[in-house]
Amino acid sequence: MNISKFFRLSLGVWRSQRTGHNHELSHVEDVQSTLTATPLALDEAQLLNACRDSRIDQYDISSPYRVDQDYQARFTHWQQSHSYLVIPVPNPDNANQGTLIYSYLDLDTPPSQGTYELRPDGTLMVQMLEENAVREERIWFPSANLRLHVSMIRPSDRAVTTTIFTSDVRTSPVSALTDNPAIALQR
């Protein structure tokens, strides 16, 4: 598997189940959500703004996509919507390693930037540097319609404080979202 294929596999509509544990506060969250991941054209305004804000040339990116997510917590009954862009910037010498940018569209924050590495077994390793914390993720596809994530979040100066397990099941095929000929999925 290569990085373009990995990100193309992420496209579609997904039903997500996330369980998180905050170890410092002894808090557990159980969240269900629907994610819609759609490919982005390289000339899309939000993508161009995120590239500018991250000081990245739009022609260096590969397979960018937008995620729209609707959350619902099972026990507290809160609901929330969230949108962000996922922007891979492959290393020119090895596309399976590079920079990953998350640009949150509904938050007044600068894009988060980190690194990714696609391992030979098809597992994507991500390390994102957030404002005061580091998030490490492992993401893999046991099958084409099942995606799993394990995440750890730790403040910059302490041990792991939050662990998260997420399983996503695709509910709508990728082909339903990739009919736009203007969308560049490969470099």
C-alpha atoms as a PDB file:
ATOM      1  CA  MET A   1       0.000   0.000   0.000  1.00  0.00           C
ATOM      2  CA  ASN A   2       1.200   3.555  -0.672  1.00  0.00           C
ATOM      3  CA  ILE A   3       0.181   6.781   1.033  1.00  0.00           C
ATOM      4  CA  SER A   4      -2.146   7.931  -1.784  1.00  0.00           C
ATOM      5  CA  LYS A   5      -4.068   4.658  -1.576  1.00  0.00           C
ATOM      6  CA  PHE A   6      -4.251   4.923   2.224  1.00  0.00           C
ATOM      7  CA  PHE A   7      -5.800   8.382   2.067  1.00  0.00           C
ATOM      8  CA  ARG A   8      -8.156   7.376  -0.788  1.00  0.00           C
ATOM      9  CA  LEU A   9      -9.365   4.507   1.422  1.00  0.00           C
ATOM     10  CA  SER A  10     -10.300   7.133   4.029  1.00  0.00           C
ATOM     11  CA  LEU A  11     -12.864   8.739   1.706  1.00  0.00           C
ATOM     12  CA  GLY A  12     -16.562   8.012   2.097  1.00  0.00           C
ATOM     13  CA  VAL A  13     -19.207   8.137   4.790  1.00  0.00           C
ATOM     14  CA  TRP A  14     -18.277   6.405   8.035  1.00  0.00           C
ATOM     15  CA  ARG A  15     -20.144   5.502  11.218  1.00  0.00           C
ATOM     16  CA  SER A  16     -17.696   5.991  14.064  1.00  0.00           C
ATOM     17  CA  GLN A  17     -17.590   4.734  17.654  1.00  0.00           C
ATOM     18  CA  ARG A  18     -15.011   6.372  19.936  1.00  0.00           C
ATOM     19  CA  THR A  19     -14.151   5.493  23.520  1.00  0.00           C
ATOM     20  CA  GLY A  20     -11.776   7.795  25.357  1.00  0.00           C
ATOM     21  CA  HIS A  21     -10.216   7.631  28.808  1.00  0.00           C
ATOM     22  CA  ASN A  22      -8.797  10.672  30.592  1.00  0.00           C
ATOM     23  CA  HIS A  23      -6.567   9.067  33.209  1.00  0.00           C
ATOM     24  CA  GLU A  24      -5.944  12.210  35.282  1.00  0.00           C
ATOM     25  CA  LEU A  25      -9.641  12.990  35.718  1.00  0.00           C
ATOM     26  CA  SER A  26     -10.893   9.377  35.780  1.00  0.00           C
ATOM     27  CA  HIS A  27     -13.287  10.350  33.001  1.00  0.00           C
ATOM     28  CA  VAL A  28     -14.598   8.073  30.252  1.00  0.00           C
ATOM     29  CA  GLU A  29     -16.306   9.274  27.086  1.00  0.00           C
ATOM     30  CA  ASP A  30     -18.381   7.243  24.677  1.00  0.00           C
ATOM     31  CA  VAL A  31     -19.079   9.106  21.435  1.00  0.00           C
ATOM     32  CA  GLN A  32     -20.774   8.064  18.229  1.00  0.00           C
ATOM     33  CA  SER A  33     -20.407  10.116  15.083  1.00  0.00           C
ATOM     34  CA  THR A  34     -20.903  10.196  11.369  1.00  0.00           C
ATOM     35  CA  LEU A  35     -17.880  11.264   9.306  1.00  0.00           C
ATOM     36  CA  THR A  36     -18.048  12.295   5.684  1.00  0.00           C
ATOM     37  CA  ALA A  37     -14.639  12.479   4.013  1.00  0.00           C
ATOM     38  CA  THR A  38     -14.648  14.100   0.571  1.00  0.00           C
ATOM     39  CA  PRO A  39     -11.676  14.766  -1.708  1.00  0.00           C
ATOM     40  CA  LEU A  40     -10.613  18.343  -2.336  1.00  0.00           C
ATOM     41  CA  ALA A  41      -9.665  20.001  -5.599  1.00  0.00           C
ATOM     42  CA  LEU A  42      -6.219  21.584  -5.402  1.00  0.00           C
ATOM     43  CA  ASP A  43      -7.686  25.017  -6.171  1.00  0.00           C
ATOM     44  CA  GLU A  44     -10.322  24.953  -3.407  1.00  0.00           C
ATOM     45  CA  ALA A  45     -10.261  28.202  -1.389  1.00  0.00           C
ATOM     46  CA  GLN A  46     -10.199  26.582   2.081  1.00  0.00           C
ATOM     47  CA  LEU A  47      -7.321  24.350   1.014  1.00  0.00           C
ATOM     48  CA  LEU A  48      -5.369  27.290  -0.433  1.00  0.00           C
ATOM     49  CA  ASN A  49      -5.883  29.255   2.804  1.00  0.00           C
ATOM     50  CA  ALA A  50      -4.686  26.326   4.933  1.00  0.00           C
ATOM     51  CA  CYS A  51      -1.604  25.891   2.717  1.00  0.00           C
ATOM     52  CA  ARG A  52      -0.836  29.610   2.986  1.00  0.00           C
ATOM     53  CA  ASP A  53      -1.293  29.576   6.781  1.00  0.00           C
ATOM     54  CA  SER A  54       1.007  26.533   7.031  1.00  0.00           C
ATOM     55  CA  ARG A  55       3.559  27.947   4.566  1.00  0.00           C
ATOM     56  CA  ILE A  56       3.101  24.916   2.284  1.00  0.00           C
ATOM     57  CA  ASP A  57       3.062  25.066  -1.520  1.00  0.00           C
ATOM     58  CA  GLN A  58      -0.253  23.662  -2.766  1.00  0.00           C
ATOM     59  CA  TYR A  59       1.608  21.674  -5.440  1.00  0.00           C
ATOM     60  CA  ASP A  60       3.564  19.761  -2.788  1.00  0.00           C
ATOM     61  CA  ILE A  61       0.434  18.194  -1.255  1.00  0.00           C
ATOM     62  CA  SER A  62      -1.171  14.885  -2.190  1.00  0.00           C
ATOM     63  CA  SER A  63      -4.687  13.514  -1.703  1.00  0.00           C
ATOM     64  CA  PRO A  64      -6.152  16.283   0.502  1.00  0.00           C
ATOM     65  CA  TYR A  65      -9.668  15.788   1.812  1.00  0.00           C
ATOM     66  CA  ARG A  66     -12.311  17.422   3.994  1.00  0.00           C
ATOM     67  CA  VAL A  67     -13.962  15.715   6.960  1.00  0.00           C
ATOM     68  CA  ASP A  68     -17.382  16.775   8.236  1.00  0.00           C
ATOM     69  CA  GLN A  69     -18.188  15.100  11.526  1.00  0.00           C
ATOM     70  CA  ASP A  70     -21.413  15.039  13.567  1.00  0.00           C
ATOM     71  CA  TYR A  71     -20.881  13.858  17.166  1.00  0.00           C
ATOM     72  CA  GLN A  72     -23.315  12.541  19.707  1.00  0.00           C
ATOM     73  CA  ALA A  73     -22.263  11.504  23.219  1.00  0.00           C
ATOM     74  CA  ARG A  74     -24.292   8.549  24.438  1.00  0.00           C
ATOM     75  CA  PHE A  75     -24.447   9.342  28.155  1.00  0.00           C
ATOM     76  CA  THR A  76     -24.455  13.144  28.268  1.00  0.00           C
ATOM     77  CA  HIS A  77     -26.584  13.577  25.111  1.00  0.00           C
ATOM     78  CA  TRP A  78     -24.579  16.520  23.765  1.00  0.00           C
ATOM     79  CA  GLN A  79     -24.331  16.973  20.030  1.00  0.00           C
ATOM     80  CA  GLN A  80     -21.737  18.847  18.018  1.00  0.00           C
ATOM     81  CA  SER A  81     -20.575  19.261  14.431  1.00  0.00           C
ATOM     82  CA  HIS A  82     -16.999  19.765  13.370  1.00  0.00           C
ATOM     83  CA  SER A  83     -15.172  20.181  10.035  1.00  0.00           C
ATOM     84  CA  TYR A  84     -11.501  19.998   9.168  1.00  0.00           C
ATOM     85  CA  LEU A  85      -9.120  19.454   6.279  1.00  0.00           C
ATOM     86  CA  VAL A  86      -6.556  16.657   6.173  1.00  0.00           C
ATOM     87  CA  ILE A  87      -3.570  17.745   4.087  1.00  0.00           C
ATOM     88  CA  PRO A  88      -0.717  15.267   3.484  1.00  0.00           C
ATOM     89  CA  VAL A  89       2.593  16.733   2.302  1.00  0.00           C
ATOM     90  CA  PRO A  90       4.756  13.788   1.194  1.00  0.00           C
ATOM     91  CA  ASN A  91       8.508  13.804   1.567  1.00  0.00           C
ATOM     92  CA  PRO A  92       9.927  14.138  -1.984  1.00  0.00           C
ATOM     93  CA  ASP A  93      12.334  11.249  -1.370  1.00  0.00           C
ATOM     94  CA  ASN A  94       9.780   8.907   0.223  1.00  0.00           C
ATOM     95  CA  ALA A  95       6.047   9.655  -0.175  1.00  0.00           C
ATOM     96  CA  ASN A  96       5.187   7.214   2.636  1.00  0.00           C
ATOM     97  CA  GLN A  97       6.654   9.746   5.085  1.00  0.00           C
ATOM     98  CA  GLY A  98       5.930  13.413   5.358  1.00  0.00           C
ATOM     99  CA  THR A  99       4.094  16.240   7.026  1.00  0.00           C
ATOM    100  CA  LEU A 100       0.406  16.079   7.926  1.00  0.00           C
ATOM    101  CA  ILE A 101      -1.696  19.179   8.447  1.00  0.00           C
ATOM    102  CA  TYR A 102      -5.117  19.334  10.114  1.00  0.00           C
ATOM    103  CA  SER A 103      -6.872  22.629   9.426  1.00  0.00           C
ATOM    104  CA  TYR A 104      -9.952  23.082  11.621  1.00  0.00           C
ATOM    105  CA  LEU A 105     -12.566  25.047   9.696  1.00  0.00           C
ATOM    106  CA  ASP A 106     -14.884  25.897  12.577  1.00  0.00           C
ATOM    107  CA  LEU A 107     -12.284  26.796  15.204  1.00  0.00           C
ATOM    108  CA  ASP A 108     -10.290  29.978  15.403  1.00  0.00           C
ATOM    109  CA  THR A 109      -6.964  28.168  15.655  1.00  0.00           C
ATOM    110  CA  PRO A 110      -4.000  27.836  13.332  1.00  0.00           C
ATOM    111  CA  PRO A 111      -3.622  24.521  11.490  1.00  0.00           C
ATOM    112  CA  SER A 112      -2.046  21.681  13.477  1.00  0.00           C
ATOM    113  CA  GLN A 113       1.059  20.241  11.930  1.00  0.00           C
ATOM    114  CA  GLY A 114       2.769  16.941  12.517  1.00  0.00           C
ATOM    115  CA  THR A 115       4.382  14.015  10.782  1.00  0.00           C
ATOM    116  CA  TYR A 116       3.188  10.764   9.280  1.00  0.00           C
ATOM    117  CA  GLU A 117       4.800   7.493   8.312  1.00  0.00           C
ATOM    118  CA  LEU A 118       3.082   4.656   6.479  1.00  0.00           C
ATOM    119  CA  ARG A 119       4.641   1.448   7.743  1.00  0.00           C
ATOM    120  CA  PRO A 120       5.161  -1.610   5.501  1.00  0.00           C
ATOM    121  CA  ASP A 121       2.251  -3.381   7.258  1.00  0.00           C
ATOM    122  CA  GLY A 122      -0.149  -0.581   6.154  1.00  0.00           C
ATOM    123  CA  THR A 123      -0.344   1.167   9.548  1.00  0.00           C
ATOM    124  CA  LEU A 124      -0.229   4.952   9.431  1.00  0.00           C
ATOM    125  CA  MET A 125       1.708   6.435  12.335  1.00  0.00           C
ATOM    126  CA  VAL A 126       0.864  10.088  13.036  1.00  0.00           C
ATOM    127  CA  GLN A 127       2.398  12.467  15.547  1.00  0.00           C
ATOM    128  CA  MET A 128       0.635  15.837  15.836  1.00  0.00           C
ATOM    129  CA  LEU A 129       1.968  18.747  17.839  1.00  0.00           C
ATOM    130  CA  GLU A 130      -0.998  20.513  19.383  1.00  0.00           C
ATOM    131  CA  GLU A 131      -0.910  23.745  21.377  1.00  0.00           C
ATOM    132  CA  ASN A 132       0.272  22.195  24.672  1.00  0.00           C
ATOM    133  CA  ALA A 133       0.249  18.500  23.896  1.00  0.00           C
ATOM    134  CA  VAL A 134       1.453  15.762  21.588  1.00  0.00           C
ATOM    135  CA  ARG A 135      -1.046  13.369  19.975  1.00  0.00           C
ATOM    136  CA  GLU A 136       0.246  10.048  18.676  1.00  0.00           C
ATOM    137  CA  GLU A 137      -2.016   7.915  16.511  1.00  0.00           C
ATOM    138  CA  ARG A 138      -1.935   4.546  14.817  1.00  0.00           C
ATOM    139  CA  ILE A 139      -4.511   4.131  12.041  1.00  0.00           C
ATOM    140  CA  TRP A 140      -5.051   0.986   9.995  1.00  0.00           C
ATOM    141  CA  PHE A 141      -7.575  -0.798   7.769  1.00  0.00           C
ATOM    142  CA  PRO A 142      -8.268  -4.438   8.711  1.00  0.00           C
ATOM    143  CA  SER A 143     -10.559  -4.412   5.644  1.00  0.00           C
ATOM    144  CA  ALA A 144     -11.597  -1.855   3.028  1.00  0.00           C
ATOM    145  CA  ASN A 145     -14.678  -0.789   5.034  1.00  0.00           C
ATOM    146  CA  LEU A 146     -13.254  -0.964   8.560  1.00  0.00           C
ATOM    147  CA  ARG A 147     -10.752   1.568   9.910  1.00  0.00           C
ATOM    148  CA  LEU A 148      -9.289   1.480  13.434  1.00  0.00           C
ATOM    149  CA  HIS A 149      -7.451   4.207  15.401  1.00  0.00           C
ATOM    150  CA  VAL A 150      -5.553   4.130  18.660  1.00  0.00           C
ATOM    151  CA  SER A 151      -4.541   7.549  20.025  1.00  0.00           C
ATOM    152  CA  MET A 152      -2.538   8.780  22.983  1.00  0.00           C
ATOM    153  CA  ILE A 153      -2.486  12.400  24.086  1.00  0.00           C
ATOM    154  CA  ARG A 154       0.071  13.717  26.508  1.00  0.00           C
ATOM    155  CA  PRO A 155       0.914  17.206  27.649  1.00  0.00           C
ATOM    156  CA  SER A 156       4.371  18.229  26.497  1.00  0.00           C
ATOM    157  CA  ASP A 157       5.829  17.874  29.968  1.00  0.00           C
ATOM    158  CA  ARG A 158       4.017  14.815  31.375  1.00  0.00           C
ATOM    159  CA  ALA A 159       3.108  11.192  30.780  1.00  0.00           C
ATOM    160  CA  VAL A 160       0.114  10.020  28.732  1.00  0.00           C
ATOM    161  CA  THR A 161      -3.118  11.456  30.111  1.00  0.00           C
ATOM    162  CA  THR A 162      -5.679  10.392  27.518  1.00  0.00           C
ATOM    163  CA  THR A 163      -6.099   7.225  25.471  1.00  0.00           C
ATOM    164  CA  ILE A 164      -8.675   6.786  22.722  1.00  0.00           C
ATOM    165  CA  PHE A 165      -9.855   3.834  20.648  1.00  0.00           C
ATOM    166  CA  THR A 166     -11.981   4.486  17.568  1.00  0.00           C
ATOM    167  CA  SER A 167     -13.574   2.111  15.097  1.00  0.00           C
ATOM    168  CA  ASP A 168     -15.065   3.416  11.847  1.00  0.00           C
ATOM    169  CA  VAL A 169     -17.331   1.411   9.538  1.00  0.00           C
ATOM    170  CA  ARG A 170     -17.914   2.724   6.025  1.00  0.00           C
ATOM    171  CA  THR A 171     -21.631   3.157   5.282  1.00  0.00           C
ATOM    172  CA  SER A 172     -21.340   4.693   1.805  1.00  0.00           C
ATOM    173  CA  PRO A 173     -18.918   3.679  -0.912  1.00  0.00           C
ATOM    174  CA  VAL A 174     -16.003   5.835  -1.937  1.00  0.00           C
ATOM    175  CA  SER A 175     -17.131   5.816  -5.572  1.00  0.00           C
ATOM    176  CA  ALA A 176     -20.159   7.919  -4.630  1.00  0.00           C
ATOM    177  CA  LEU A 177     -17.822  10.765  -3.621  1.00  0.00           C
ATOM    178  CA  THR A 178     -15.095  10.658  -6.276  1.00  0.00           C
ATOM    179  CA  ASP A 179     -16.981  11.476  -9.497  1.00  0.00           C
ATOM    180  CA  ASN A 180     -15.640  15.046  -9.760  1.00  0.00           C
ATOM    181  CA  PRO A 181     -12.939  15.082 -12.486  1.00  0.00           C
ATOM    182  CA  ALA A 182     -11.350  18.243 -11.021  1.00  0.00           C
ATOM    183  CA  ILE A 183     -10.230  16.383  -7.937  1.00  0.00           C
ATOM    184  CA  ALA A 184      -6.582  15.421  -7.884  1.00  0.00           C
ATOM    185  CA  LEU A 185      -6.157  12.269  -5.825  1.00  0.00           C
ATOM    186  CA  GLN A 186      -2.650  11.542  -7.039  1.00  0.00           C
ATOM    187  CA  ARG A 187       0.311  13.769  -7.795  1.00  0.00           C
END
